[in-house]
Amino acid sequence: LSADEPLTPETDLRDAGLDSLGTVELLGSLESAYDVRFVDE
């Protein structure tokens, strides 16, 4: 996803390049940034 391309609510994150390793890293970043923990569900 280029810097000038809009991120829309419906953007397919996998098509935009989010892979399994990125998902795990993003998960940790979101938990830290928002002080939350992703529950199993």
All heavy atoms as atom14 arrays in JSON, in Angstrom:
{
  "sequence": "LSADEPLTPETDLRDAGLDSLGTVELLGSLESAYDVRFVDE",
  "atom14_mask": [
    [1, 1, 1, 1, 1, 1, 1, 1, 0, 0, 0, 0, 0, 0],
    [1, 1, 1, 1, 1, 1, 0, 0, 0, 0, 0, 0, 0, 0],
    [1, 1, 1, 1, 1, 0, 0, 0, 0, 0, 0, 0, 0, 0],
    [1, 1, 1, 1, 1, 1, 1, 1, 0, 0, 0, 0, 0, 0],
    [1, 1, 1, 1, 1, 1, 1, 1, 1, 0, 0, 0, 0, 0],
    [1, 1, 1, 1, 1, 1, 1, 0, 0, 0, 0, 0, 0, 0],
    [1, 1, 1, 1, 1, 1, 1, 1, 0, 0, 0, 0, 0, 0],
    [1, 1, 1, 1, 1, 1, 1, 0, 0, 0, 0, 0, 0, 0],
    [1, 1, 1, 1, 1, 1, 1, 0, 0, 0, 0, 0, 0, 0],
    [1, 1, 1, 1, 1, 1, 1, 1, 1, 0, 0, 0, 0, 0],
    [1, 1, 1, 1, 1, 1, 1, 0, 0, 0, 0, 0, 0, 0],
    [1, 1, 1, 1, 1, 1, 1, 1, 0, 0, 0, 0, 0, 0],
    [1, 1, 1, 1, 1, 1, 1, 1, 0, 0, 0, 0, 0, 0],
    [1, 1, 1, 1, 1, 1, 1, 1, 1, 1, 1, 0, 0, 0],
    [1, 1, 1, 1, 1, 1, 1, 1, 0, 0, 0, 0, 0, 0],
    [1, 1, 1, 1, 1, 0, 0, 0, 0, 0, 0, 0, 0, 0],
    [1, 1, 1, 1, 0, 0, 0, 0, 0, 0, 0, 0, 0, 0],
    [1, 1, 1, 1, 1, 1, 1, 1, 0, 0, 0, 0, 0, 0],
    [1, 1, 1, 1, 1, 1, 1, 1, 0, 0, 0, 0, 0, 0],
    [1, 1, 1, 1, 1, 1, 0, 0, 0, 0, 0, 0, 0, 0],
    [1, 1, 1, 1, 1, 1, 1, 1, 0, 0, 0, 0, 0, 0],
    [1, 1, 1, 1, 0, 0, 0, 0, 0, 0, 0, 0, 0, 0],
    [1, 1, 1, 1, 1, 1, 1, 0, 0, 0, 0, 0, 0, 0],
    [1, 1, 1, 1, 1, 1, 1, 0, 0, 0, 0, 0, 0, 0],
    [1, 1, 1, 1, 1, 1, 1, 1, 1, 0, 0, 0, 0, 0],
    [1, 1, 1, 1, 1, 1, 1, 1, 0, 0, 0, 0, 0, 0],
    [1, 1, 1, 1, 1, 1, 1, 1, 0, 0, 0, 0, 0, 0],
    [1, 1, 1, 1, 0, 0, 0, 0, 0, 0, 0, 0, 0, 0],
    [1, 1, 1, 1, 1, 1, 0, 0, 0, 0, 0, 0, 0, 0],
    [1, 1, 1, 1, 1, 1, 1, 1, 0, 0, 0, 0, 0, 0],
    [1, 1, 1, 1, 1, 1, 1, 1, 1, 0, 0, 0, 0, 0],
    [1, 1, 1, 1, 1, 1, 0, 0, 0, 0, 0, 0, 0, 0],
    [1, 1, 1, 1, 1, 0, 0, 0, 0, 0, 0, 0, 0, 0],
    [1, 1, 1, 1, 1, 1, 1, 1, 1, 1, 1, 1, 0, 0],
    [1, 1, 1, 1, 1, 1, 1, 1, 0, 0, 0, 0, 0, 0],
    [1, 1, 1, 1, 1, 1, 1, 0, 0, 0, 0, 0, 0, 0],
    [1, 1, 1, 1, 1, 1, 1, 1, 1, 1, 1, 0, 0, 0],
    [1, 1, 1, 1, 1, 1, 1, 1, 1, 1, 1, 0, 0, 0],
    [1, 1, 1, 1, 1, 1, 1, 0, 0, 0, 0, 0, 0, 0],
    [1, 1, 1, 1, 1, 1, 1, 1, 0, 0, 0, 0, 0, 0],
    [1, 1, 1, 1, 1, 1, 1, 1, 1, 0, 0, 0, 0, 0]
  ],
  "atom14_positions": [
    [[0.87, -1.18, 0.0], [0.0, 0.0, 0.0], [0.9, 1.22, 0.0], [1.6, 1.48, 0.97], [-0.91, -0.01, 1.24], [-2.0, 1.04, 1.27], [-3.1, 0.69, 0.27], [-2.6, 1.15, 2.67], [0.0, 0.0, 0.0], [0.0, 0.0, 0.0], [0.0, 0.0, 0.0], [0.0, 0.0, 0.0], [0.0, 0.0, 0.0], [0.0, 0.0, 0.0]],
    [[0.88, 1.96, -1.1], [1.76, 3.14, -1.2], [1.29, 4.23, -0.25], [0.13, 4.27, 0.17], [1.8, 3.65, -2.63], [0.54, 4.12, -3.03], [0.0, 0.0, 0.0], [0.0, 0.0, 0.0], [0.0, 0.0, 0.0], [0.0, 0.0, 0.0], [0.0, 0.0, 0.0], [0.0, 0.0, 0.0], [0.0, 0.0, 0.0], [0.0, 0.0, 0.0]],
    [[2.2, 5.13, 0.08], [1.91, 6.2, 1.03], [0.78, 7.11, 0.57], [0.04, 7.66, 1.39], [3.17, 7.01, 1.29], [0.0, 0.0, 0.0], [0.0, 0.0, 0.0], [0.0, 0.0, 0.0], [0.0, 0.0, 0.0], [0.0, 0.0, 0.0], [0.0, 0.0, 0.0], [0.0, 0.0, 0.0], [0.0, 0.0, 0.0], [0.0, 0.0, 0.0]],
    [[0.62, 7.27, -0.74], [-0.43, 8.14, -1.26], [-1.74, 7.4, -1.53], [-2.74, 8.01, -1.9], [0.04, 8.86, -2.52], [0.38, 7.92, -3.66], [0.63, 6.73, -3.41], [0.4, 8.39, -4.81], [0.0, 0.0, 0.0], [0.0, 0.0, 0.0], [0.0, 0.0, 0.0], [0.0, 0.0, 0.0], [0.0, 0.0, 0.0], [0.0, 0.0, 0.0]],
    [[-1.75, 6.1, -1.32], [-2.96, 5.3, -1.53], [-3.79, 5.3, -0.25], [-3.27, 5.06, 0.84], [-2.56, 3.87, -1.89], [-3.66, 3.03, -2.42], [-3.16, 1.68, -2.92], [-1.93, 1.48, -3.01], [-4.0, 0.83, -3.21], [0.0, 0.0, 0.0], [0.0, 0.0, 0.0], [0.0, 0.0, 0.0], [0.0, 0.0, 0.0], [0.0, 0.0, 0.0]],
    [[-5.09, 5.59, -0.36], [-5.91, 5.65, 0.85], [-6.1, 4.28, 1.49], [-6.19, 3.26, 0.8], [-7.24, 6.22, 0.36], [-7.29, 5.91, -1.09], [-5.86, 5.88, -1.57], [0.0, 0.0, 0.0], [0.0, 0.0, 0.0], [0.0, 0.0, 0.0], [0.0, 0.0, 0.0], [0.0, 0.0, 0.0], [0.0, 0.0, 0.0], [0.0, 0.0, 0.0]],
    [[-6.16, 4.28, 2.79], [-6.49, 3.08, 3.56], [-7.98, 3.19, 3.88], [-8.39, 4.04, 4.66], [-5.66, 3.02, 4.83], [-5.86, 1.81, 5.72], [-5.39, 0.54, 5.0], [-5.1, 1.97, 7.02], [0.0, 0.0, 0.0], [0.0, 0.0, 0.0], [0.0, 0.0, 0.0], [0.0, 0.0, 0.0], [0.0, 0.0, 0.0], [0.0, 0.0, 0.0]],
    [[-8.77, 2.37, 3.22], [-10.22, 2.43, 3.41], [-10.64, 1.37, 4.42], [-9.89, 0.41, 4.68], [-10.96, 2.19, 2.09], [-10.75, 0.83, 1.68], [-10.49, 3.15, 1.0], [0.0, 0.0, 0.0], [0.0, 0.0, 0.0], [0.0, 0.0, 0.0], [0.0, 0.0, 0.0], [0.0, 0.0, 0.0], [0.0, 0.0, 0.0], [0.0, 0.0, 0.0]],
    [[-11.83, 1.49, 4.97], [-12.31, 0.47, 5.9], [-12.33, -0.93, 5.3], [-12.14, -1.91, 6.0], [-13.73, 0.93, 6.25], [-13.69, 2.41, 6.06], [-12.76, 2.62, 4.87], [0.0, 0.0, 0.0], [0.0, 0.0, 0.0], [0.0, 0.0, 0.0], [0.0, 0.0, 0.0], [0.0, 0.0, 0.0], [0.0, 0.0, 0.0], [0.0, 0.0, 0.0]],
    [[-12.52, -1.02, 3.97], [-12.64, -2.31, 3.31], [-11.34, -2.81, 2.68], [-11.32, -3.87, 2.05], [-13.7, -2.24, 2.2], [-15.09, -1.92, 2.69], [-15.3, -0.41, 2.92], [-14.58, 0.41, 2.31], [-16.15, -0.07, 3.73], [0.0, 0.0, 0.0], [0.0, 0.0, 0.0], [0.0, 0.0, 0.0], [0.0, 0.0, 0.0], [0.0, 0.0, 0.0]],
    [[-10.23, -2.09, 2.84], [-8.96, -2.53, 2.28], [-8.66, -3.95, 2.74], [-8.72, -4.25, 3.94], [-7.81, -1.6, 2.71], [-8.04, -0.29, 2.21], [-6.46, -2.1, 2.22], [0.0, 0.0, 0.0], [0.0, 0.0, 0.0], [0.0, 0.0, 0.0], [0.0, 0.0, 0.0], [0.0, 0.0, 0.0], [0.0, 0.0, 0.0], [0.0, 0.0, 0.0]],
    [[-8.36, -4.83, 1.8], [-7.99, -6.2, 2.14], [-6.54, -6.18, 2.63], [-5.63, -5.9, 1.85], [-8.14, -7.11, 0.93], [-7.9, -8.57, 1.27], [-6.83, -8.89, 1.83], [-8.78, -9.38, 0.96], [0.0, 0.0, 0.0], [0.0, 0.0, 0.0], [0.0, 0.0, 0.0], [0.0, 0.0, 0.0], [0.0, 0.0, 0.0], [0.0, 0.0, 0.0]],
    [[-6.35, -6.43, 3.91], [-5.01, -6.3, 4.5], [-4.04, -7.33, 3.93], [-2.84, -7.02, 3.79], [-5.1, -6.4, 6.02], [-5.89, -5.27, 6.69], [-5.92, -5.47, 8.2], [-5.32, -3.91, 6.33], [0.0, 0.0, 0.0], [0.0, 0.0, 0.0], [0.0, 0.0, 0.0], [0.0, 0.0, 0.0], [0.0, 0.0, 0.0], [0.0, 0.0, 0.0]],
    [[-4.5, -8.51, 3.59], [-3.59, -9.5, 2.99], [-3.15, -9.05, 1.61], [-1.98, -9.18, 1.25], [-4.24, -10.87, 2.96], [-4.17, -11.56, 4.33], [-4.78, -12.93, 4.27], [-5.84, -13.18, 4.9], [-7.1, -12.79, 5.3], [-7.56, -12.32, 5.13], [-8.05, -12.93, 5.91], [0.0, 0.0, 0.0], [0.0, 0.0, 0.0], [0.0, 0.0, 0.0]],
    [[-4.08, -8.51, 0.83], [-3.72, -8.0, -0.5], [-2.76, -6.82, -0.39], [-1.95, -6.59, -1.29], [-4.96, -7.56, -1.28], [-5.79, -8.73, -1.78], [-5.32, -9.89, -1.72], [-6.94, -8.48, -2.22], [0.0, 0.0, 0.0], [0.0, 0.0, 0.0], [0.0, 0.0, 0.0], [0.0, 0.0, 0.0], [0.0, 0.0, 0.0], [0.0, 0.0, 0.0]],
    [[-2.84, -6.08, 0.71], [-1.96, -4.93, 0.92], [-0.6, -5.34, 1.5], [0.26, -4.51, 1.71], [-2.64, -3.91, 1.84], [0.0, 0.0, 0.0], [0.0, 0.0, 0.0], [0.0, 0.0, 0.0], [0.0, 0.0, 0.0], [0.0, 0.0, 0.0], [0.0, 0.0, 0.0], [0.0, 0.0, 0.0], [0.0, 0.0, 0.0], [0.0, 0.0, 0.0]],
    [[-0.42, -6.65, 1.75], [0.88, -7.16, 2.16], [1.01, -7.64, 3.58], [2.1, -7.98, 4.02], [0.0, 0.0, 0.0], [0.0, 0.0, 0.0], [0.0, 0.0, 0.0], [0.0, 0.0, 0.0], [0.0, 0.0, 0.0], [0.0, 0.0, 0.0], [0.0, 0.0, 0.0], [0.0, 0.0, 0.0], [0.0, 0.0, 0.0], [0.0, 0.0, 0.0]],
    [[-0.09, -7.66, 4.35], [0.0, -8.15, 5.72], [0.12, -9.67, 5.7], [-0.82, -10.38, 5.32], [-1.24, -7.74, 6.53], [-1.21, -8.11, 8.01], [-0.08, -7.39, 8.74], [-2.55, -7.79, 8.66], [0.0, 0.0, 0.0], [0.0, 0.0, 0.0], [0.0, 0.0, 0.0], [0.0, 0.0, 0.0], [0.0, 0.0, 0.0], [0.0, 0.0, 0.0]],
    [[1.29, -10.17, 6.07], [1.51, -11.62, 6.1], [1.44, -12.12, 7.54], [1.16, -11.36, 8.46], [2.84, -11.98, 5.43], [4.05, -11.33, 6.1], [3.94, -10.83, 7.25], [5.12, -11.33, 5.48], [0.0, 0.0, 0.0], [0.0, 0.0, 0.0], [0.0, 0.0, 0.0], [0.0, 0.0, 0.0], [0.0, 0.0, 0.0], [0.0, 0.0, 0.0]],
    [[1.69, -13.4, 7.74], [1.54, -13.99, 9.08], [2.52, -13.4, 10.08], [2.15, -13.11, 11.22], [1.68, -15.51, 9.01], [2.91, -15.88, 8.45], [0.0, 0.0, 0.0], [0.0, 0.0, 0.0], [0.0, 0.0, 0.0], [0.0, 0.0, 0.0], [0.0, 0.0, 0.0], [0.0, 0.0, 0.0], [0.0, 0.0, 0.0], [0.0, 0.0, 0.0]],
    [[3.76, -13.19, 9.68], [4.73, -12.57, 10.59], [4.33, -11.14, 10.9], [4.38, -10.7, 12.05], [6.14, -12.62, 9.99], [7.24, -12.02, 10.84], [7.33, -12.7, 12.2], [8.58, -12.13, 10.12], [0.0, 0.0, 0.0], [0.0, 0.0, 0.0], [0.0, 0.0, 0.0], [0.0, 0.0, 0.0], [0.0, 0.0, 0.0], [0.0, 0.0, 0.0]],
    [[3.89, -10.41, 9.88], [3.43, -9.04, 10.09], [2.23, -8.98, 11.01], [2.11, -8.07, 11.83], [0.0, 0.0, 0.0], [0.0, 0.0, 0.0], [0.0, 0.0, 0.0], [0.0, 0.0, 0.0], [0.0, 0.0, 0.0], [0.0, 0.0, 0.0], [0.0, 0.0, 0.0], [0.0, 0.0, 0.0], [0.0, 0.0, 0.0], [0.0, 0.0, 0.0]],
    [[1.34, -9.96, 10.9], [0.17, -10.01, 11.77], [0.58, -10.15, 13.23], [0.05, -9.46, 14.1], [-0.77, -11.17, 11.36], [-1.2, -10.96, 10.01], [-1.98, -11.26, 12.26], [0.0, 0.0, 0.0], [0.0, 0.0, 0.0], [0.0, 0.0, 0.0], [0.0, 0.0, 0.0], [0.0, 0.0, 0.0], [0.0, 0.0, 0.0], [0.0, 0.0, 0.0]],
    [[1.52, -11.03, 13.49], [2.0, -11.23, 14.87], [2.67, -9.96, 15.39], [2.42, -9.53, 16.53], [2.97, -12.44, 14.94], [3.62, -12.54, 16.3], [2.24, -13.72, 14.59], [0.0, 0.0, 0.0], [0.0, 0.0, 0.0], [0.0, 0.0, 0.0], [0.0, 0.0, 0.0], [0.0, 0.0, 0.0], [0.0, 0.0, 0.0], [0.0, 0.0, 0.0]],
    [[3.49, -9.33, 14.56], [4.17, -8.1, 14.98], [3.16, -6.97, 15.18], [3.25, -6.2, 16.14], [5.22, -7.7, 13.96], [6.4, -8.67, 13.93], [7.39, -8.36, 12.83], [7.12, -7.48, 11.97], [8.46, -9.01, 12.82], [0.0, 0.0, 0.0], [0.0, 0.0, 0.0], [0.0, 0.0, 0.0], [0.0, 0.0, 0.0], [0.0, 0.0, 0.0]],
    [[2.19, -6.87, 14.28], [1.14, -5.85, 14.4], [0.34, -6.07, 15.67], [0.02, -5.11, 16.38], [0.22, -5.89, 13.18], [-0.98, -4.97, 13.18], [-0.58, -3.52, 13.33], [-1.82, -5.19, 11.92], [0.0, 0.0, 0.0], [0.0, 0.0, 0.0], [0.0, 0.0, 0.0], [0.0, 0.0, 0.0], [0.0, 0.0, 0.0], [0.0, 0.0, 0.0]],
    [[0.03, -7.3, 15.97], [-0.7, -7.64, 17.2], [0.03, -7.07, 18.42], [-0.56, -6.4, 19.26], [-0.84, -9.15, 17.31], [-1.37, -9.73, 18.62], [-2.84, -9.44, 18.77], [-1.13, -11.22, 18.66], [0.0, 0.0, 0.0], [0.0, 0.0, 0.0], [0.0, 0.0, 0.0], [0.0, 0.0, 0.0], [0.0, 0.0, 0.0], [0.0, 0.0, 0.0]],
    [[1.33, -7.33, 18.51], [2.11, -6.82, 19.63], [2.15, -5.3, 19.66], [2.05, -4.68, 20.73], [0.0, 0.0, 0.0], [0.0, 0.0, 0.0], [0.0, 0.0, 0.0], [0.0, 0.0, 0.0], [0.0, 0.0, 0.0], [0.0, 0.0, 0.0], [0.0, 0.0, 0.0], [0.0, 0.0, 0.0], [0.0, 0.0, 0.0], [0.0, 0.0, 0.0]],
    [[2.29, -4.69, 18.5], [2.33, -3.23, 18.43], [1.0, -2.62, 18.87], [0.98, -1.62, 19.59], [2.64, -2.78, 17.0], [3.93, -3.17, 16.62], [0.0, 0.0, 0.0], [0.0, 0.0, 0.0], [0.0, 0.0, 0.0], [0.0, 0.0, 0.0], [0.0, 0.0, 0.0], [0.0, 0.0, 0.0], [0.0, 0.0, 0.0], [0.0, 0.0, 0.0]],
    [[-0.11, -3.21, 18.44], [-1.42, -2.7, 18.85], [-1.65, -2.88, 20.34], [-2.2, -1.99, 21.01], [-2.52, -3.4, 18.05], [-2.61, -3.03, 16.57], [-3.57, -3.97, 15.85], [-3.03, -1.58, 16.39], [0.0, 0.0, 0.0], [0.0, 0.0, 0.0], [0.0, 0.0, 0.0], [0.0, 0.0, 0.0], [0.0, 0.0, 0.0], [0.0, 0.0, 0.0]],
    [[-1.25, -4.03, 20.87], [-1.4, -4.26, 22.31], [-0.61, -3.22, 23.1], [-1.11, -2.69, 24.1], [-0.96, -5.67, 22.68], [-1.94, -6.73, 22.23], [-1.55, -8.14, 22.64], [-0.36, -8.4, 22.91], [-2.46, -8.98, 22.71], [0.0, 0.0, 0.0], [0.0, 0.0, 0.0], [0.0, 0.0, 0.0], [0.0, 0.0, 0.0], [0.0, 0.0, 0.0]],
    [[0.58, -2.91, 22.67], [1.41, -1.91, 23.36], [0.83, -0.51, 23.21], [0.73, 0.25, 24.18], [2.84, -1.92, 22.82], [3.47, -3.12, 23.14], [0.0, 0.0, 0.0], [0.0, 0.0, 0.0], [0.0, 0.0, 0.0], [0.0, 0.0, 0.0], [0.0, 0.0, 0.0], [0.0, 0.0, 0.0], [0.0, 0.0, 0.0], [0.0, 0.0, 0.0]],
    [[0.45, -0.15, 22.0], [-0.03, 1.2, 21.73], [-1.34, 1.52, 22.43], [-1.55, 2.64, 22.88], [-0.18, 1.4, 20.22], [0.0, 0.0, 0.0], [0.0, 0.0, 0.0], [0.0, 0.0, 0.0], [0.0, 0.0, 0.0], [0.0, 0.0, 0.0], [0.0, 0.0, 0.0], [0.0, 0.0, 0.0], [0.0, 0.0, 0.0], [0.0, 0.0, 0.0]],
    [[-2.22, 0.52, 22.52], [-3.55, 0.76, 23.08], [-3.75, 0.13, 24.46], [-4.85, 0.18, 25.0], [-4.62, 0.27, 22.1], [-4.69, 1.14, 20.87], [-3.97, 0.81, 19.73], [-5.42, 2.32, 20.87], [-3.99, 1.63, 18.6], [-5.44, 3.15, 19.76], [-4.72, 2.8, 18.63], [-4.74, 3.61, 17.53], [0.0, 0.0, 0.0], [0.0, 0.0, 0.0]],
    [[-2.69, -0.45, 25.0], [-2.73, -1.07, 26.33], [-3.91, -2.04, 26.45], [-4.73, -1.95, 27.37], [-2.79, 0.0, 27.42], [-2.43, -0.57, 28.79], [-1.69, -1.57, 28.85], [-2.92, -0.03, 29.8], [0.0, 0.0, 0.0], [0.0, 0.0, 0.0], [0.0, 0.0, 0.0], [0.0, 0.0, 0.0], [0.0, 0.0, 0.0], [0.0, 0.0, 0.0]],
    [[-3.98, -2.94, 25.46], [-5.02, -3.97, 25.44], [-4.36, -5.32, 25.23], [-3.18, -5.4, 24.9], [-6.05, -3.73, 24.31], [-6.81, -2.43, 24.54], [-5.4, -3.73, 22.94], [0.0, 0.0, 0.0], [0.0, 0.0, 0.0], [0.0, 0.0, 0.0], [0.0, 0.0, 0.0], [0.0, 0.0, 0.0], [0.0, 0.0, 0.0], [0.0, 0.0, 0.0]],
    [[-5.12, -6.37, 25.43], [-4.67, -7.74, 25.14], [-5.73, -8.39, 24.26], [-6.92, -8.38, 24.59], [-4.51, -8.56, 26.42], [-3.38, -8.09, 27.29], [-2.03, -8.42, 26.67], [-0.96, -7.75, 27.38], [-0.2, -6.78, 26.88], [-0.39, -6.35, 25.65], [0.75, -6.23, 27.58], [0.0, 0.0, 0.0], [0.0, 0.0, 0.0], [0.0, 0.0, 0.0]],
    [[-5.29, -8.93, 23.14], [-6.21, -9.65, 22.26], [-6.59, -10.96, 22.93], [-5.73, -11.76, 23.28], [-5.54, -9.94, 20.91], [-5.58, -8.78, 19.96], [-4.78, -7.67, 20.14], [-6.42, -8.81, 18.86], [-4.82, -6.6, 19.27], [-6.48, -7.75, 17.96], [-5.67, -6.64, 18.18], [0.0, 0.0, 0.0], [0.0, 0.0, 0.0], [0.0, 0.0, 0.0]],
    [[-7.88, -11.15, 23.11], [-8.39, -12.39, 23.7], [-8.48, -13.45, 22.61], [-8.47, -13.14, 21.42], [-9.76, -12.17, 24.37], [-9.62, -11.26, 25.59], [-10.76, -11.58, 23.4], [0.0, 0.0, 0.0], [0.0, 0.0, 0.0], [0.0, 0.0, 0.0], [0.0, 0.0, 0.0], [0.0, 0.0, 0.0], [0.0, 0.0, 0.0], [0.0, 0.0, 0.0]],
    [[-8.57, -14.69, 23.03], [-8.53, -15.81, 22.08], [-9.53, -15.67, 20.94], [-9.19, -15.93, 19.78], [-8.77, -17.14, 22.8], [-7.58, -17.54, 23.66], [-6.48, -17.0, 23.45], [-7.76, -18.41, 24.54], [0.0, 0.0, 0.0], [0.0, 0.0, 0.0], [0.0, 0.0, 0.0], [0.0, 0.0, 0.0], [0.0, 0.0, 0.0], [0.0, 0.0, 0.0]],
    [[-10.77, -15.25, 21.23], [-11.76, -15.18, 20.17], [-11.46, -14.08, 19.15], [-12.0, -14.08, 18.05], [-13.19, -15.03, 20.72], [-13.4, -13.84, 21.6], [-13.25, -14.13, 23.08], [-12.76, -15.21, 23.45], [-13.61, -13.26, 23.88], [0.0, 0.0, 0.0], [0.0, 0.0, 0.0], [0.0, 0.0, 0.0], [0.0, 0.0, 0.0], [0.0, 0.0, 0.0]]
  ]
}
